[in-house]
Amino acid sequence: MSMKPSLPEYGTDATGADTYATVINGITRECHNLSAVCDTQDAIISLDGGTTDHLFVDASQGQLVFQGLVIPKAAVIQGKNASAGNNYANLRITVW
C-alpha cells in the first residue's frame, strides 16, 4: 500500500534579502495553490528556483492566495525583497 505525501507543505524565510532564498526546498507532488503572507515589506516569490514565475506579495494585504497554478513536483520555491534593501520579516509560504 502506498501513501500520498502529506500536504500542505510550508516554509518560512525569517529575514529578506536582495537575492533569492529557498523557502520550500522541493515539494513532494504537483500543487495548484499557494498562499503567502509577509509581516513587513513586500516580497517576490519564484516557483522555480529564482529563474522565472515571479509572484508579488504585498505585505499590506495580509494573506494572499494564488489558485490555479501548476507547481511541479520537486519545485524549489524561493523569496526575495521586492525592492532592494527593504528586508521583509517572516515570509511564510504554503502550497497544496
PDB file of N, CA and C in Angstrom:
ATOM      1  N   MET A   1       0.838  -1.171   0.000  1.00  0.00           N
ATOM      2  CA  MET A   1       0.000   0.000   0.000  1.00  0.00           C
ATOM      3  C   MET A   1       0.887   1.239   0.000  1.00  0.00           C
ATOM      4  N   SER A   2       0.635   2.158  -0.949  1.00  0.00           N
ATOM      5  CA  SER A   2       1.408   3.394  -0.993  1.00  0.00           C
ATOM      6  C   SER A   2       0.617   4.513  -0.333  1.00  0.00           C
ATOM      7  N   MET A   3       1.355   5.440   0.251  1.00  0.00           N
ATOM      8  CA  MET A   3       0.719   6.585   0.908  1.00  0.00           C
ATOM      9  C   MET A   3       1.042   7.840   0.120  1.00  0.00           C
ATOM     10  N   LYS A   4       0.069   8.723  -0.001  1.00  0.00           N
ATOM     11  CA  LYS A   4       0.298  10.012  -0.647  1.00  0.00           C
ATOM     12  C   LYS A   4       1.136  10.883   0.277  1.00  0.00           C
ATOM     13  N   PRO A   5       2.027  11.694  -0.298  1.00  0.00           N
ATOM     14  CA  PRO A   5       2.777  12.641   0.526  1.00  0.00           C
ATOM     15  C   PRO A   5       1.818  13.612   1.212  1.00  0.00           C
ATOM     16  N   SER A   6       2.183  14.029   2.384  1.00  0.00           N
ATOM     17  CA  SER A   6       1.294  14.928   3.126  1.00  0.00           C
ATOM     18  C   SER A   6       1.324  16.323   2.523  1.00  0.00           C
ATOM     19  N   LEU A   7       0.180  16.937   2.484  1.00  0.00           N
ATOM     20  CA  LEU A   7       0.030  18.321   2.062  1.00  0.00           C
ATOM     21  C   LEU A   7      -0.870  18.997   3.079  1.00  0.00           C
ATOM     22  N   PRO A   8      -0.826  20.264   3.285  1.00  0.00           N
ATOM     23  CA  PRO A   8       0.042  21.209   2.592  1.00  0.00           C
ATOM     24  C   PRO A   8       1.495  21.117   3.054  1.00  0.00           C
ATOM     25  N   GLU A   9       2.362  21.742   2.279  1.00  0.00           N
ATOM     26  CA  GLU A   9       3.757  21.880   2.649  1.00  0.00           C
ATOM     27  C   GLU A   9       4.025  23.359   2.846  1.00  0.00           C
ATOM     28  N   TYR A  10       4.897  23.684   3.776  1.00  0.00           N
ATOM     29  CA  TYR A  10       5.110  25.092   4.074  1.00  0.00           C
ATOM     30  C   TYR A  10       6.565  25.365   4.432  1.00  0.00           C
ATOM     31  N   GLY A  11       6.925  26.635   4.345  1.00  0.00           N
ATOM     32  CA  GLY A  11       8.255  27.081   4.723  1.00  0.00           C
ATOM     33  C   GLY A  11       8.239  28.547   5.078  1.00  0.00           C
ATOM     34  N   THR A  12       9.287  28.984   5.762  1.00  0.00           N
ATOM     35  CA  THR A  12       9.400  30.369   6.210  1.00  0.00           C
ATOM     36  C   THR A  12      10.807  30.889   5.938  1.00  0.00           C
ATOM     37  N   ASP A  13      10.893  32.127   5.506  1.00  0.00           N
ATOM     38  CA  ASP A  13      12.173  32.830   5.443  1.00  0.00           C
ATOM     39  C   ASP A  13      12.073  33.988   6.419  1.00  0.00           C
ATOM     40  N   ALA A  14      12.875  33.959   7.466  1.00  0.00           N
ATOM     41  CA  ALA A  14      12.735  34.919   8.559  1.00  0.00           C
ATOM     42  C   ALA A  14      13.130  36.337   8.179  1.00  0.00           C
ATOM     43  N   THR A  15      14.181  36.493   7.394  1.00  0.00           N
ATOM     44  CA  THR A  15      14.698  37.831   7.083  1.00  0.00           C
ATOM     45  C   THR A  15      14.996  37.939   5.605  1.00  0.00           C
ATOM     46  N   GLY A  16      14.352  38.862   4.931  1.00  0.00           N
ATOM     47  CA  GLY A  16      14.522  39.029   3.496  1.00  0.00           C
ATOM     48  C   GLY A  16      15.902  39.531   3.114  1.00  0.00           C
ATOM     49  N   ALA A  17      16.223  39.315   1.855  1.00  0.00           N
ATOM     50  CA  ALA A  17      17.479  39.804   1.282  1.00  0.00           C
ATOM     51  C   ALA A  17      17.215  40.162  -0.174  1.00  0.00           C
ATOM     52  N   ASP A  18      18.197  40.760  -0.819  1.00  0.00           N
ATOM     53  CA  ASP A  18      18.040  41.192  -2.206  1.00  0.00           C
ATOM     54  C   ASP A  18      18.301  40.074  -3.210  1.00  0.00           C
ATOM     55  N   THR A  19      18.699  38.908  -2.745  1.00  0.00           N
ATOM     56  CA  THR A  19      18.849  37.728  -3.596  1.00  0.00           C
ATOM     57  C   THR A  19      17.906  36.644  -3.083  1.00  0.00           C
ATOM     58  N   TYR A  20      17.574  35.707  -3.947  1.00  0.00           N
ATOM     59  CA  TYR A  20      16.602  34.668  -3.585  1.00  0.00           C
ATOM     60  C   TYR A  20      17.116  33.749  -2.483  1.00  0.00           C
ATOM     61  N   ALA A  21      16.214  33.413  -1.564  1.00  0.00           N
ATOM     62  CA  ALA A  21      16.479  32.427  -0.517  1.00  0.00           C
ATOM     63  C   ALA A  21      15.436  31.318  -0.646  1.00  0.00           C
ATOM     64  N   THR A  22      15.835  30.097  -0.418  1.00  0.00           N
ATOM     65  CA  THR A  22      14.908  28.976  -0.516  1.00  0.00           C
ATOM     66  C   THR A  22      13.972  28.967   0.678  1.00  0.00           C
ATOM     67  N   VAL A  23      12.669  28.906   0.389  1.00  0.00           N
ATOM     68  CA  VAL A  23      11.646  28.840   1.435  1.00  0.00           C
ATOM     69  C   VAL A  23      11.095  27.419   1.529  1.00  0.00           C
ATOM     70  N   ILE A  24      10.857  26.780   0.394  1.00  0.00           N
ATOM     71  CA  ILE A  24      10.455  25.369   0.355  1.00  0.00           C
ATOM     72  C   ILE A  24      11.402  24.671  -0.623  1.00  0.00           C
ATOM     73  N   ASN A  25      12.098  23.660  -0.142  1.00  0.00           N
ATOM     74  CA  ASN A  25      13.126  23.007  -0.951  1.00  0.00           C
ATOM     75  C   ASN A  25      12.606  21.710  -1.564  1.00  0.00           C
ATOM     76  N   GLY A  26      11.797  21.831  -2.599  1.00  0.00           N
ATOM     77  CA  GLY A  26      11.332  20.656  -3.327  1.00  0.00           C
ATOM     78  C   GLY A  26      10.044  20.081  -2.760  1.00  0.00           C
ATOM     79  N   ILE A  27       8.916  20.379  -3.396  1.00  0.00           N
ATOM     80  CA  ILE A  27       7.644  19.838  -2.939  1.00  0.00           C
ATOM     81  C   ILE A  27       7.519  18.381  -3.385  1.00  0.00           C
ATOM     82  N   THR A  28       6.728  17.615  -2.655  1.00  0.00           N
ATOM     83  CA  THR A  28       6.688  16.174  -2.888  1.00  0.00           C
ATOM     84  C   THR A  28       5.747  15.751  -4.002  1.00  0.00           C
ATOM     85  N   ARG A  29       4.844  16.638  -4.413  1.00  0.00           N
ATOM     86  CA  ARG A  29       3.997  16.328  -5.572  1.00  0.00           C
ATOM     87  C   ARG A  29       3.474  17.627  -6.168  1.00  0.00           C
ATOM     88  N   GLU A  30       2.953  17.562  -7.379  1.00  0.00           N
ATOM     89  CA  GLU A  30       2.446  18.759  -8.044  1.00  0.00           C
ATOM     90  C   GLU A  30       1.381  19.437  -7.192  1.00  0.00           C
ATOM     91  N   CYS A  31       1.454  20.761  -7.132  1.00  0.00           N
ATOM     92  CA  CYS A  31       0.482  21.547  -6.368  1.00  0.00           C
ATOM     93  C   CYS A  31      -0.135  22.605  -7.279  1.00  0.00           C
ATOM     94  N   HIS A  32      -1.312  23.093  -6.880  1.00  0.00           N
ATOM     95  CA  HIS A  32      -2.022  24.071  -7.708  1.00  0.00           C
ATOM     96  C   HIS A  32      -2.416  25.330  -6.948  1.00  0.00           C
ATOM     97  N   ASN A  33      -2.079  25.385  -5.671  1.00  0.00           N
ATOM     98  CA  ASN A  33      -2.432  26.542  -4.853  1.00  0.00           C
ATOM     99  C   ASN A  33      -1.232  26.955  -4.007  1.00  0.00           C
ATOM    100  N   LEU A  34      -1.124  28.262  -3.782  1.00  0.00           N
ATOM    101  CA  LEU A  34      -0.057  28.795  -2.960  1.00  0.00           C
ATOM    102  C   LEU A  34      -0.618  29.947  -2.152  1.00  0.00           C
ATOM    103  N   SER A  35      -0.309  29.973  -0.865  1.00  0.00           N
ATOM    104  CA  SER A  35      -0.657  31.136  -0.051  1.00  0.00           C
ATOM    105  C   SER A  35       0.635  31.717   0.502  1.00  0.00           C
ATOM    106  N   ALA A  36       0.640  33.031   0.666  1.00  0.00           N
ATOM    107  CA  ALA A  36       1.828  33.711   1.163  1.00  0.00           C
ATOM    108  C   ALA A  36       1.412  34.865   2.052  1.00  0.00           C
ATOM    109  N   VAL A  37       2.173  35.069   3.094  1.00  0.00           N
ATOM    110  CA  VAL A  37       1.967  36.210   3.980  1.00  0.00           C
ATOM    111  C   VAL A  37       3.345  36.684   4.415  1.00  0.00           C
ATOM    112  N   CYS A  38       3.484  37.998   4.555  1.00  0.00           N
ATOM    113  CA  CYS A  38       4.758  38.598   4.932  1.00  0.00           C
ATOM    114  C   CYS A  38       4.464  39.692   5.950  1.00  0.00           C
ATOM    115  N   ASP A  39       5.201  39.677   7.063  1.00  0.00           N
ATOM    116  CA  ASP A  39       4.903  40.627   8.140  1.00  0.00           C
ATOM    117  C   ASP A  39       5.246  42.069   7.796  1.00  0.00           C
ATOM    118  N   THR A  40       6.374  42.293   7.160  1.00  0.00           N
ATOM    119  CA  THR A  40       6.790  43.653   6.821  1.00  0.00           C
ATOM    120  C   THR A  40       7.389  43.675   5.430  1.00  0.00           C
ATOM    121  N   GLN A  41       7.234  44.738   4.715  1.00  0.00           N
ATOM    122  CA  GLN A  41       7.779  44.935   3.371  1.00  0.00           C
ATOM    123  C   GLN A  41       7.208  43.911   2.390  1.00  0.00           C
ATOM    124  N   ASP A  42       7.321  44.220   1.126  1.00  0.00           N
ATOM    125  CA  ASP A  42       6.808  43.352   0.069  1.00  0.00           C
ATOM    126  C   ASP A  42       7.865  42.325  -0.331  1.00  0.00           C
ATOM    127  N   ALA A  43       7.409  41.240  -0.953  1.00  0.00           N
ATOM    128  CA  ALA A  43       8.315  40.170  -1.360  1.00  0.00           C
ATOM    129  C   ALA A  43       7.976  39.704  -2.771  1.00  0.00           C
ATOM    130  N   ILE A  44       8.931  39.050  -3.400  1.00  0.00           N
ATOM    131  CA  ILE A  44       8.736  38.391  -4.684  1.00  0.00           C
ATOM    132  C   ILE A  44       8.992  36.906  -4.462  1.00  0.00           C
ATOM    133  N   ILE A  45       8.129  36.066  -5.029  1.00  0.00           N
ATOM    134  CA  ILE A  45       8.265  34.619  -4.914  1.00  0.00           C
ATOM    135  C   ILE A  45       8.546  34.041  -6.295  1.00  0.00           C
ATOM    136  N   SER A  46       9.466  33.094  -6.346  1.00  0.00           N
ATOM    137  CA  SER A  46       9.742  32.354  -7.576  1.00  0.00           C
ATOM    138  C   SER A  46       9.400  30.888  -7.345  1.00  0.00           C
ATOM    139  N   LEU A  47       8.716  30.292  -8.311  1.00  0.00           N
ATOM    140  CA  LEU A  47       8.303  28.891  -8.197  1.00  0.00           C
ATOM    141  C   LEU A  47       9.322  27.935  -8.788  1.00  0.00           C
ATOM    142  N   ASP A  48      10.393  28.461  -9.363  1.00  0.00           N
ATOM    143  CA  ASP A  48      11.369  27.573  -9.996  1.00  0.00           C
ATOM    144  C   ASP A  48      12.802  27.978  -9.692  1.00  0.00           C
ATOM    145  N   GLY A  49      13.076  28.189  -8.424  1.00  0.00           N
ATOM    146  CA  GLY A  49      14.444  28.446  -8.004  1.00  0.00           C
ATOM    147  C   GLY A  49      15.020  29.773  -8.433  1.00  0.00           C
ATOM    148  N   GLY A  50      14.194  30.790  -8.607  1.00  0.00           N
ATOM    149  CA  GLY A  50      14.682  32.130  -8.910  1.00  0.00           C
ATOM    150  C   GLY A  50      14.854  32.434 -10.378  1.00  0.00           C
ATOM    151  N   THR A  51      14.404  31.547 -11.255  1.00  0.00           N
ATOM    152  CA  THR A  51      14.577  31.765 -12.685  1.00  0.00           C
ATOM    153  C   THR A  51      13.447  32.598 -13.269  1.00  0.00           C
ATOM    154  N   THR A  52      12.218  32.143 -13.115  1.00  0.00           N
ATOM    155  CA  THR A  52      11.047  32.856 -13.627  1.00  0.00           C
ATOM    156  C   THR A  52       9.877  32.596 -12.674  1.00  0.00           C
ATOM    157  N   ASP A  53       8.656  32.783 -13.187  1.00  0.00           N
ATOM    158  CA  ASP A  53       7.439  32.539 -12.401  1.00  0.00           C
ATOM    159  C   ASP A  53       7.419  33.356 -11.126  1.00  0.00           C
ATOM    160  N   HIS A  54       7.483  34.663 -11.266  1.00  0.00           N
ATOM    161  CA  HIS A  54       7.541  35.544 -10.111  1.00  0.00           C
ATOM    162  C   HIS A  54       6.140  35.989  -9.688  1.00  0.00           C
ATOM    163  N   LEU A  55       5.855  35.865  -8.399  1.00  0.00           N
ATOM    164  CA  LEU A  55       4.602  36.324  -7.813  1.00  0.00           C
ATOM    165  C   LEU A  55       4.926  37.436  -6.827  1.00  0.00           C
ATOM    166  N   PHE A  56       4.117  38.489  -6.810  1.00  0.00           N
ATOM    167  CA  PHE A  56       4.337  39.635  -5.931  1.00  0.00           C
ATOM    168  C   PHE A  56       3.475  39.500  -4.692  1.00  0.00           C
ATOM    169  N   VAL A  57       4.078  39.656  -3.525  1.00  0.00           N
ATOM    170  CA  VAL A  57       3.356  39.595  -2.254  1.00  0.00           C
ATOM    171  C   VAL A  57       3.382  40.985  -1.631  1.00  0.00           C
ATOM    172  N   ASP A  58       2.210  41.594  -1.525  1.00  0.00           N
ATOM    173  CA  ASP A  58       2.051  42.917  -0.923  1.00  0.00           C
ATOM    174  C   ASP A  58       1.822  42.727   0.571  1.00  0.00           C
ATOM    175  N   ALA A  59       2.792  43.140   1.386  1.00  0.00           N
ATOM    176  CA  ALA A  59       2.721  42.912   2.835  1.00  0.00           C
ATOM    177  C   ALA A  59       1.488  43.560   3.460  1.00  0.00           C
ATOM    178  N   SER A  60       0.990  44.643   2.883  1.00  0.00           N
ATOM    179  CA  SER A  60      -0.160  45.341   3.472  1.00  0.00           C
ATOM    180  C   SER A  60      -1.480  44.621   3.227  1.00  0.00           C
ATOM    181  N   GLN A  61      -1.486  43.629   2.353  1.00  0.00           N
ATOM    182  CA  GLN A  61      -2.733  42.931   2.013  1.00  0.00           C
ATOM    183  C   GLN A  61      -3.022  41.708   2.873  1.00  0.00           C
ATOM    184  N   GLY A  62      -2.167  41.385   3.818  1.00  0.00           N
ATOM    185  CA  GLY A  62      -2.372  40.187   4.624  1.00  0.00           C
ATOM    186  C   GLY A  62      -2.064  38.942   3.812  1.00  0.00           C
ATOM    187  N   GLN A  63      -2.783  37.872   4.056  1.00  0.00           N
ATOM    188  CA  GLN A  63      -2.528  36.618   3.345  1.00  0.00           C
ATOM    189  C   GLN A  63      -3.040  36.690   1.918  1.00  0.00           C
ATOM    190  N   LEU A  64      -2.192  36.329   0.979  1.00  0.00           N
ATOM    191  CA  LEU A  64      -2.573  36.267  -0.429  1.00  0.00           C
ATOM    192  C   LEU A  64      -2.641  34.811  -0.848  1.00  0.00           C
ATOM    193  N   VAL A  65      -3.636  34.461  -1.656  1.00  0.00           N
ATOM    194  CA  VAL A  65      -3.779  33.099  -2.142  1.00  0.00           C
ATOM    195  C   VAL A  65      -3.795  33.129  -3.660  1.00  0.00           C
ATOM    196  N   PHE A  66      -2.930  32.326  -4.259  1.00  0.00           N
ATOM    197  CA  PHE A  66      -2.867  32.171  -5.700  1.00  0.00           C
ATOM    198  C   PHE A  66      -3.397  30.782  -6.032  1.00  0.00           C
ATOM    199  N   GLN A  67      -4.426  30.701  -6.867  1.00  0.00           N
ATOM    200  CA  GLN A  67      -5.028  29.420  -7.229  1.00  0.00           C
ATOM    201  C   GLN A  67      -4.848  29.154  -8.716  1.00  0.00           C
ATOM    202  N   GLY A  68      -4.933  27.881  -9.092  1.00  0.00           N
ATOM    203  CA  GLY A  68      -4.843  27.510 -10.487  1.00  0.00           C
ATOM    204  C   GLY A  68      -3.431  27.502 -11.032  1.00  0.00           C
ATOM    205  N   LEU A  69      -2.443  27.421 -10.160  1.00  0.00           N
ATOM    206  CA  LEU A  69      -1.052  27.355 -10.590  1.00  0.00           C
ATOM    207  C   LEU A  69      -0.689  25.918 -10.951  1.00  0.00           C
ATOM    208  N   VAL A  70       0.379  25.752 -11.677  1.00  0.00           N
ATOM    209  CA  VAL A  70       0.959  24.428 -11.881  1.00  0.00           C
ATOM    210  C   VAL A  70       2.368  24.491 -11.302  1.00  0.00           C
ATOM    211  N   ILE A  71       2.510  23.979 -10.099  1.00  0.00           N
ATOM    212  CA  ILE A  71       3.802  23.949  -9.424  1.00  0.00           C
ATOM    213  C   ILE A  71       4.273  22.501  -9.487  1.00  0.00           C
ATOM    214  N   PRO A  72       5.270  22.205 -10.294  1.00  0.00           N
ATOM    215  CA  PRO A  72       5.652  20.809 -10.498  1.00  0.00           C
ATOM    216  C   PRO A  72       6.288  20.179  -9.270  1.00  0.00           C
ATOM    217  N   LYS A  73       6.173  18.858  -9.206  1.00  0.00           N
ATOM    218  CA  LYS A  73       6.837  18.093  -8.150  1.00  0.00           C
ATOM    219  C   LYS A  73       8.314  18.468  -8.145  1.00  0.00           C
ATOM    220  N   ALA A  74       8.873  18.585  -6.973  1.00  0.00           N
ATOM    221  CA  ALA A  74      10.280  18.913  -6.733  1.00  0.00           C
ATOM    222  C   ALA A  74      10.608  20.388  -6.979  1.00  0.00           C
ATOM    223  N   ALA A  75       9.602  21.234  -7.213  1.00  0.00           N
ATOM    224  CA  ALA A  75       9.852  22.665  -7.403  1.00  0.00           C
ATOM    225  C   ALA A  75      10.528  23.252  -6.168  1.00  0.00           C
ATOM    226  N   VAL A  76      11.475  24.143  -6.401  1.00  0.00           N
ATOM    227  CA  VAL A  76      12.126  24.885  -5.330  1.00  0.00           C
ATOM    228  C   VAL A  76      11.499  26.276  -5.311  1.00  0.00           C
ATOM    229  N   ILE A  77      10.882  26.633  -4.196  1.00  0.00           N
ATOM    230  CA  ILE A  77      10.176  27.905  -4.086  1.00  0.00           C
ATOM    231  C   ILE A  77      11.022  28.856  -3.256  1.00  0.00           C
ATOM    232  N   GLN A  78      11.300  30.027  -3.830  1.00  0.00           N
ATOM    233  CA  GLN A  78      12.193  30.976  -3.191  1.00  0.00           C
ATOM    234  C   GLN A  78      11.536  32.345  -3.057  1.00  0.00           C
ATOM    235  N   GLY A  79      12.090  33.174  -2.172  1.00  0.00           N
ATOM    236  CA  GLY A  79      11.603  34.529  -1.988  1.00  0.00           C
ATOM    237  C   GLY A  79      12.745  35.509  -1.856  1.00  0.00           C
ATOM    238  N   LYS A  80      12.471  36.770  -2.224  1.00  0.00           N
ATOM    239  CA  LYS A  80      13.443  37.847  -2.019  1.00  0.00           C
ATOM    240  C   LYS A  80      12.687  39.157  -1.849  1.00  0.00           C
ATOM    241  N   ASN A  81      13.408  40.186  -1.466  1.00  0.00           N
ATOM    242  CA  ASN A  81      12.814  41.509  -1.308  1.00  0.00           C
ATOM    243  C   ASN A  81      12.226  41.995  -2.631  1.00  0.00           C
ATOM    244  N   ALA A  82      11.103  42.675  -2.551  1.00  0.00           N
ATOM    245  CA  ALA A  82      10.504  43.239  -3.755  1.00  0.00           C
ATOM    246  C   ALA A  82      11.286  44.451  -4.251  1.00  0.00           C
ATOM    247  N   SER A  83      11.948  45.152  -3.342  1.00  0.00           N
ATOM    248  CA  SER A  83      12.805  46.265  -3.740  1.00  0.00           C
ATOM    249  C   SER A  83      14.085  46.231  -2.904  1.00  0.00           C
ATOM    250  N   ALA A  84      15.170  46.617  -3.509  1.00  0.00           N
ATOM    251  CA  ALA A  84      16.488  46.492  -2.888  1.00  0.00           C
ATOM    252  C   ALA A  84      16.556  47.163  -1.523  1.00  0.00           C
ATOM    253  N   GLY A  85      17.078  46.418  -0.559  1.00  0.00           N
ATOM    254  CA  GLY A  85      17.305  46.957   0.775  1.00  0.00           C
ATOM    255  C   GLY A  85      16.102  46.973   1.694  1.00  0.00           C
ATOM    256  N   ASN A  86      14.912  46.697   1.183  1.00  0.00           N
ATOM    257  CA  ASN A  86      13.704  46.689   2.018  1.00  0.00           C
ATOM    258  C   ASN A  86      13.436  45.271   2.508  1.00  0.00           C
ATOM    259  N   ASN A  87      14.186  44.866   3.523  1.00  0.00           N
ATOM    260  CA  ASN A  87      14.118  43.495   4.020  1.00  0.00           C
ATOM    261  C   ASN A  87      12.783  43.209   4.684  1.00  0.00           C
ATOM    262  N   TYR A  88      12.118  42.168   4.197  1.00  0.00           N
ATOM    263  CA  TYR A  88      10.881  41.727   4.826  1.00  0.00           C
ATOM    264  C   TYR A  88      11.197  40.905   6.072  1.00  0.00           C
ATOM    265  N   ALA A  89      10.167  40.607   6.852  1.00  0.00           N
ATOM    266  CA  ALA A  89      10.310  39.711   8.002  1.00  0.00           C
ATOM    267  C   ALA A  89       9.242  38.630   7.896  1.00  0.00           C
ATOM    268  N   ASN A  90       9.653  37.399   8.125  1.00  0.00           N
ATOM    269  CA  ASN A  90       8.730  36.255   8.209  1.00  0.00           C
ATOM    270  C   ASN A  90       7.846  36.074   6.977  1.00  0.00           C
ATOM    271  N   LEU A  91       8.460  35.828   5.836  1.00  0.00           N
ATOM    272  CA  LEU A  91       7.715  35.428   4.657  1.00  0.00           C
ATOM    273  C   LEU A  91       7.326  33.963   4.848  1.00  0.00           C
ATOM    274  N   ARG A  92       6.021  33.691   4.848  1.00  0.00           N
ATOM    275  CA  ARG A  92       5.525  32.337   5.063  1.00  0.00           C
ATOM    276  C   ARG A  92       4.768  31.887   3.819  1.00  0.00           C
ATOM    277  N   ILE A  93       5.180  30.741   3.275  1.00  0.00           N
ATOM    278  CA  ILE A  93       4.579  30.205   2.049  1.00  0.00           C
ATOM    279  C   ILE A  93       4.049  28.809   2.319  1.00  0.00           C
ATOM    280  N   THR A  94       2.822  28.557   1.823  1.00  0.00           N
ATOM    281  CA  THR A  94       2.209  27.246   1.919  1.00  0.00           C
ATOM    282  C   THR A  94       1.748  26.837   0.537  1.00  0.00           C
ATOM    283  N   VAL A  95       1.980  25.579   0.162  1.00  0.00           N
ATOM    284  CA  VAL A  95       1.482  25.047  -1.117  1.00  0.00           C
ATOM    285  C   VAL A  95       0.669  23.800  -0.851  1.00  0.00           C
ATOM    286  N   TRP A  96      -0.344  23.609  -1.692  1.00  0.00           N
ATOM    287  CA  TRP A  96      -1.175  22.402  -1.615  1.00  0.00           C
ATOM    288  C   TRP A  96      -1.847  22.134  -2.936  1.00  0.00           C
TER     289      TRP A  96
END
